[in-house]
């Protein structure tokens, strides 16, 4: 199995942009395992895949990079708790969506 992946390879594997990966690096959220001293190319390892998956999924839930960095540095339970919190927010939004839809339907029916 390959041990080092270029920034372009990582972006293709994880379906994110080069600028996003560079942004994560610059914010200290997801730093390349190795940077070539001559070319300054960044290389990532397969051991970093899990971390990047966590970061991507937490950003889908609109968690700030500052909080993501904190969660990932703390590791384990902190990351799990962050995902639980995101699931709770999604559940709450789904309930709100149903309530709004019910209200809209009610108003449309009384208008008829």
N, C-alpha and C. Protein backbone atom coordinates (compact mmCIF):
# COMPACT_ATOMS: atom_id res chain seq x y z
N UNK A 1 0.84 -1.19 0.00
CA UNK A 1 0.00 0.00 0.00
C UNK A 1 0.88 1.25 0.00
N UNK A 2 0.48 2.23 -0.73
CA UNK A 2 1.22 3.48 -0.83
C UNK A 2 1.26 4.17 0.53
N UNK A 3 2.39 4.77 0.84
CA UNK A 3 2.53 5.40 2.14
C UNK A 3 2.40 6.92 2.10
N UNK A 4 2.71 7.53 0.95
CA UNK A 4 2.60 8.99 0.84
C UNK A 4 1.70 9.37 -0.33
N UNK A 5 0.88 10.38 -0.08
CA UNK A 5 -0.06 10.86 -1.08
C UNK A 5 0.15 12.36 -1.27
N UNK A 6 0.20 12.79 -2.52
CA UNK A 6 0.34 14.22 -2.80
C UNK A 6 -0.97 14.93 -2.48
N UNK A 7 -0.90 16.24 -2.47
CA UNK A 7 -2.10 17.03 -2.20
C UNK A 7 -3.17 16.77 -3.27
N UNK A 8 -2.75 16.63 -4.52
CA UNK A 8 -3.71 16.36 -5.60
C UNK A 8 -4.35 14.99 -5.42
N UNK A 9 -3.55 14.00 -5.05
CA UNK A 9 -4.10 12.66 -4.83
C UNK A 9 -5.10 12.67 -3.67
N UNK A 10 -4.78 13.40 -2.61
CA UNK A 10 -5.69 13.48 -1.46
C UNK A 10 -7.01 14.15 -1.85
N UNK A 11 -6.92 15.21 -2.64
CA UNK A 11 -8.15 15.90 -3.01
C UNK A 11 -9.03 15.02 -3.89
N UNK A 12 -8.42 14.19 -4.70
CA UNK A 12 -9.20 13.27 -5.53
C UNK A 12 -9.81 12.16 -4.69
N UNK A 13 -9.04 11.64 -3.75
CA UNK A 13 -9.54 10.57 -2.88
C UNK A 13 -10.71 11.03 -2.02
N UNK A 14 -10.63 12.27 -1.53
CA UNK A 14 -11.63 12.75 -0.58
C UNK A 14 -12.63 13.74 -1.18
N UNK A 15 -12.48 13.98 -2.48
CA UNK A 15 -13.42 14.85 -3.20
C UNK A 15 -13.54 16.23 -2.55
N UNK A 16 -12.38 16.83 -2.26
CA UNK A 16 -12.32 18.19 -1.76
C UNK A 16 -11.33 18.96 -2.64
N UNK A 17 -11.36 20.27 -2.57
CA UNK A 17 -10.48 21.07 -3.41
C UNK A 17 -9.09 21.21 -2.80
N UNK A 18 -8.15 21.52 -3.66
CA UNK A 18 -6.77 21.77 -3.20
C UNK A 18 -6.78 22.94 -2.23
N UNK A 19 -7.55 23.97 -2.55
CA UNK A 19 -7.58 25.15 -1.67
C UNK A 19 -8.14 24.80 -0.29
N UNK A 20 -9.10 23.89 -0.24
CA UNK A 20 -9.64 23.46 1.06
C UNK A 20 -8.57 22.75 1.87
N UNK A 21 -7.85 21.85 1.24
CA UNK A 21 -6.79 21.12 1.94
C UNK A 21 -5.69 22.07 2.39
N UNK A 22 -5.34 23.02 1.55
CA UNK A 22 -4.33 24.03 1.95
C UNK A 22 -4.84 24.88 3.11
N UNK A 23 -6.13 25.22 3.07
CA UNK A 23 -6.73 26.00 4.16
C UNK A 23 -6.66 25.22 5.47
N UNK A 24 -7.01 23.95 5.44
CA UNK A 24 -6.90 23.12 6.65
C UNK A 24 -5.47 23.11 7.17
N UNK A 25 -4.52 23.01 6.25
CA UNK A 25 -3.10 23.00 6.63
C UNK A 25 -2.71 24.33 7.28
N UNK A 26 -3.07 25.42 6.64
CA UNK A 26 -2.71 26.75 7.16
C UNK A 26 -3.34 27.05 8.51
N UNK A 27 -4.52 26.49 8.76
CA UNK A 27 -5.20 26.68 10.05
C UNK A 27 -4.71 25.69 11.12
N UNK A 28 -3.86 24.75 10.70
CA UNK A 28 -3.33 23.78 11.65
C UNK A 28 -4.30 22.67 11.99
N UNK A 29 -5.35 22.53 11.20
CA UNK A 29 -6.37 21.50 11.45
C UNK A 29 -5.94 20.16 10.86
N UNK A 30 -5.34 20.20 9.68
CA UNK A 30 -4.89 18.99 9.00
C UNK A 30 -3.57 19.31 8.29
N UNK A 31 -2.49 18.99 8.97
CA UNK A 31 -1.15 19.33 8.49
C UNK A 31 -0.53 18.13 7.80
N UNK A 32 0.13 18.39 6.67
CA UNK A 32 0.78 17.33 5.93
C UNK A 32 1.82 16.63 6.81
N UNK A 33 1.90 15.32 6.64
CA UNK A 33 2.87 14.55 7.42
C UNK A 33 4.31 14.92 7.03
N UNK A 34 4.48 15.23 5.74
CA UNK A 34 5.82 15.52 5.25
C UNK A 34 5.74 16.63 4.21
N UNK A 35 6.67 17.57 4.30
CA UNK A 35 6.79 18.61 3.28
C UNK A 35 8.20 18.55 2.71
N UNK A 36 8.30 18.41 1.40
CA UNK A 36 9.59 18.35 0.73
C UNK A 36 10.29 19.69 0.90
N UNK A 37 11.52 19.68 1.38
CA UNK A 37 12.24 20.92 1.66
C UNK A 37 12.61 21.69 0.40
N UNK A 38 12.78 21.01 -0.71
CA UNK A 38 13.15 21.69 -1.96
C UNK A 38 11.94 22.20 -2.73
N UNK A 39 10.95 21.35 -2.91
CA UNK A 39 9.79 21.72 -3.72
C UNK A 39 8.66 22.32 -2.89
N UNK A 40 8.69 22.11 -1.59
CA UNK A 40 7.63 22.52 -0.66
C UNK A 40 6.32 21.78 -0.90
N UNK A 41 6.37 20.70 -1.68
CA UNK A 41 5.18 19.88 -1.89
C UNK A 41 4.82 19.19 -0.59
N UNK A 42 3.52 19.10 -0.35
CA UNK A 42 3.02 18.46 0.87
C UNK A 42 2.63 17.03 0.55
N UNK A 43 2.92 16.15 1.50
CA UNK A 43 2.57 14.74 1.34
C UNK A 43 1.89 14.26 2.61
N UNK A 44 0.88 13.44 2.39
CA UNK A 44 0.05 12.93 3.48
C UNK A 44 0.18 11.41 3.53
N UNK A 45 -0.08 10.85 4.69
CA UNK A 45 0.01 9.40 4.84
C UNK A 45 -1.39 8.79 4.95
N UNK A 46 -1.46 7.50 4.70
CA UNK A 46 -2.74 6.80 4.83
C UNK A 46 -3.22 6.81 6.27
N UNK A 47 -2.31 6.96 7.21
CA UNK A 47 -2.69 7.04 8.63
C UNK A 47 -3.50 8.31 8.92
N UNK A 48 -3.44 9.28 8.02
CA UNK A 48 -4.16 10.53 8.21
C UNK A 48 -5.57 10.50 7.61
N UNK A 49 -5.91 9.42 6.93
CA UNK A 49 -7.22 9.34 6.27
C UNK A 49 -8.37 9.49 7.26
N UNK A 50 -8.29 8.82 8.38
CA UNK A 50 -9.37 8.86 9.37
C UNK A 50 -9.59 10.28 9.88
N UNK A 51 -8.49 10.97 10.16
CA UNK A 51 -8.59 12.35 10.63
C UNK A 51 -9.26 13.23 9.59
N UNK A 52 -8.85 13.10 8.34
CA UNK A 52 -9.45 13.93 7.29
C UNK A 52 -10.94 13.59 7.13
N UNK A 53 -11.30 12.33 7.22
CA UNK A 53 -12.72 11.96 7.16
C UNK A 53 -13.50 12.64 8.28
N UNK A 54 -12.94 12.64 9.48
CA UNK A 54 -13.62 13.30 10.61
C UNK A 54 -13.77 14.80 10.35
N UNK A 55 -12.71 15.43 9.87
CA UNK A 55 -12.75 16.87 9.60
C UNK A 55 -13.81 17.19 8.56
N UNK A 56 -13.82 16.45 7.47
CA UNK A 56 -14.79 16.69 6.40
C UNK A 56 -16.21 16.53 6.92
N UNK A 57 -16.46 15.48 7.67
CA UNK A 57 -17.82 15.25 8.18
C UNK A 57 -18.23 16.30 9.19
N UNK A 58 -17.33 16.76 10.02
CA UNK A 58 -17.68 17.82 10.97
C UNK A 58 -17.94 19.14 10.25
N UNK A 59 -17.21 19.42 9.18
CA UNK A 59 -17.47 20.65 8.43
C UNK A 59 -18.82 20.59 7.74
N UNK A 60 -19.27 19.40 7.35
CA UNK A 60 -20.61 19.27 6.78
C UNK A 60 -21.66 19.73 7.79
N UNK A 61 -21.37 19.52 9.06
CA UNK A 61 -22.29 19.94 10.12
C UNK A 61 -22.07 21.37 10.56
N UNK A 62 -21.29 22.11 9.80
CA UNK A 62 -21.03 23.53 10.06
C UNK A 62 -20.27 23.77 11.38
N UNK A 63 -19.46 22.81 11.79
CA UNK A 63 -18.61 22.99 12.96
C UNK A 63 -17.43 23.85 12.53
N UNK A 64 -17.07 24.84 13.32
CA UNK A 64 -15.97 25.73 12.96
C UNK A 64 -14.64 24.98 12.97
N UNK A 65 -13.69 25.45 12.17
CA UNK A 65 -12.38 24.80 12.13
C UNK A 65 -11.67 24.88 13.47
N UNK A 66 -11.90 25.97 14.20
CA UNK A 66 -11.32 26.09 15.54
C UNK A 66 -11.80 24.98 16.46
N UNK A 67 -13.10 24.72 16.43
CA UNK A 67 -13.66 23.64 17.24
C UNK A 67 -13.21 22.28 16.75
N UNK A 68 -13.13 22.12 15.42
CA UNK A 68 -12.68 20.85 14.87
C UNK A 68 -11.25 20.58 15.31
N UNK A 69 -10.41 21.59 15.26
CA UNK A 69 -9.01 21.43 15.69
C UNK A 69 -8.96 20.99 17.15
N UNK A 70 -9.78 21.63 17.96
CA UNK A 70 -9.84 21.28 19.38
C UNK A 70 -10.30 19.84 19.58
N UNK A 71 -11.37 19.45 18.88
CA UNK A 71 -11.90 18.09 19.00
C UNK A 71 -10.87 17.05 18.57
N UNK A 72 -10.20 17.32 17.45
CA UNK A 72 -9.27 16.33 16.92
C UNK A 72 -8.01 16.24 17.77
N UNK A 73 -7.61 17.35 18.38
CA UNK A 73 -6.45 17.30 19.27
C UNK A 73 -6.77 16.50 20.53
N UNK A 74 -8.00 16.68 21.02
CA UNK A 74 -8.43 15.94 22.20
C UNK A 74 -8.65 14.47 21.87
N UNK A 75 -9.13 14.22 20.64
CA UNK A 75 -9.31 12.85 20.15
C UNK A 75 -10.49 12.13 20.78
N UNK A 76 -10.54 10.84 20.49
CA UNK A 76 -11.50 9.90 21.03
C UNK A 76 -12.89 10.39 21.32
N UNK A 77 -13.22 10.47 22.58
CA UNK A 77 -14.57 10.80 23.03
C UNK A 77 -15.01 12.18 22.57
N UNK A 78 -14.08 13.12 22.50
CA UNK A 78 -14.41 14.47 22.08
C UNK A 78 -14.96 14.49 20.66
N UNK A 79 -14.35 13.73 19.78
CA UNK A 79 -14.81 13.65 18.39
C UNK A 79 -16.17 12.96 18.34
N UNK A 80 -16.31 11.89 19.09
CA UNK A 80 -17.59 11.17 19.14
C UNK A 80 -18.69 12.09 19.66
N UNK A 81 -18.39 12.85 20.71
CA UNK A 81 -19.37 13.80 21.24
C UNK A 81 -19.74 14.86 20.21
N UNK A 82 -18.77 15.30 19.41
CA UNK A 82 -19.05 16.30 18.37
C UNK A 82 -20.01 15.73 17.34
N UNK A 83 -19.81 14.46 16.97
CA UNK A 83 -20.72 13.83 16.01
C UNK A 83 -22.11 13.65 16.61
N UNK A 84 -22.19 13.28 17.88
CA UNK A 84 -23.49 13.14 18.53
C UNK A 84 -24.23 14.48 18.54
N UNK A 85 -23.51 15.54 18.82
CA UNK A 85 -24.11 16.87 18.85
C UNK A 85 -24.64 17.25 17.46
N UNK A 86 -23.89 16.90 16.42
CA UNK A 86 -24.33 17.19 15.06
C UNK A 86 -25.59 16.40 14.73
N UNK A 87 -25.64 15.15 15.14
CA UNK A 87 -26.84 14.33 14.90
C UNK A 87 -28.05 14.93 15.60
N UNK A 88 -27.85 15.44 16.82
CA UNK A 88 -28.95 16.07 17.55
C UNK A 88 -29.45 17.32 16.83
N UNK A 89 -28.52 18.10 16.29
CA UNK A 89 -28.91 19.29 15.53
C UNK A 89 -29.70 18.92 14.29
N UNK A 90 -29.28 17.87 13.61
CA UNK A 90 -29.99 17.40 12.42
C UNK A 90 -31.39 16.95 12.78
N UNK A 91 -31.52 16.19 13.88
CA UNK A 91 -32.84 15.75 14.34
C UNK A 91 -33.75 16.95 14.62
N UNK A 92 -33.17 17.97 15.27
CA UNK A 92 -33.94 19.16 15.60
C UNK A 92 -34.39 19.88 14.32
N UNK A 93 -33.52 19.97 13.36
CA UNK A 93 -33.87 20.60 12.09
C UNK A 93 -34.93 19.81 11.34
N UNK A 94 -34.87 18.49 11.42
CA UNK A 94 -35.89 17.66 10.76
C UNK A 94 -37.25 17.87 11.41
N UNK A 95 -37.28 18.00 12.74
CA UNK A 95 -38.55 18.29 13.42
C UNK A 95 -39.07 19.66 13.02
N UNK A 96 -38.18 20.64 12.92
CA UNK A 96 -38.59 21.99 12.51
C UNK A 96 -39.11 21.97 11.08
N UNK A 97 -38.47 21.21 10.21
CA UNK A 97 -38.91 21.11 8.82
C UNK A 97 -40.32 20.53 8.74
N UNK A 98 -40.59 19.49 9.54
CA UNK A 98 -41.92 18.89 9.54
C UNK A 98 -42.96 19.89 10.04
N UNK A 99 -42.62 20.60 11.10
CA UNK A 99 -43.54 21.58 11.67
C UNK A 99 -43.85 22.69 10.67
N UNK A 100 -42.84 23.17 10.00
CA UNK A 100 -43.01 24.22 9.00
C UNK A 100 -43.86 23.71 7.83
N UNK A 101 -43.58 22.49 7.39
CA UNK A 101 -44.36 21.89 6.30
C UNK A 101 -45.81 21.72 6.68
N UNK A 102 -46.06 21.26 7.91
CA UNK A 102 -47.43 21.11 8.39
C UNK A 102 -48.14 22.45 8.42
N UNK A 103 -47.45 23.47 8.88
CA UNK A 103 -48.05 24.80 8.98
C UNK A 103 -48.37 25.35 7.59
N UNK A 104 -47.44 25.18 6.65
CA UNK A 104 -47.66 25.64 5.28
C UNK A 104 -48.87 24.93 4.68
N UNK A 105 -48.94 23.61 4.86
CA UNK A 105 -50.08 22.84 4.34
C UNK A 105 -51.39 23.34 4.94
N UNK A 106 -51.40 23.61 6.22
CA UNK A 106 -52.59 24.11 6.89
C UNK A 106 -53.03 25.44 6.28
N UNK A 107 -52.08 26.35 6.12
CA UNK A 107 -52.41 27.66 5.55
C UNK A 107 -52.88 27.56 4.11
N UNK A 108 -52.29 26.67 3.34
CA UNK A 108 -52.72 26.48 1.95
C UNK A 108 -54.14 25.92 1.91
N UNK A 109 -54.46 25.01 2.84
CA UNK A 109 -55.81 24.40 2.86
C UNK A 109 -56.88 25.38 3.28
N UNK A 110 -56.59 26.26 4.22
CA UNK A 110 -57.63 27.21 4.64
C UNK A 110 -57.81 28.31 3.60
N UNK A 111 -56.82 28.51 2.76
CA UNK A 111 -56.91 29.50 1.71
C UNK A 111 -57.85 29.05 0.60
N UNK A 112 -58.01 27.72 0.45
CA UNK A 112 -58.84 27.16 -0.61
C UNK A 112 -60.27 27.27 -0.29
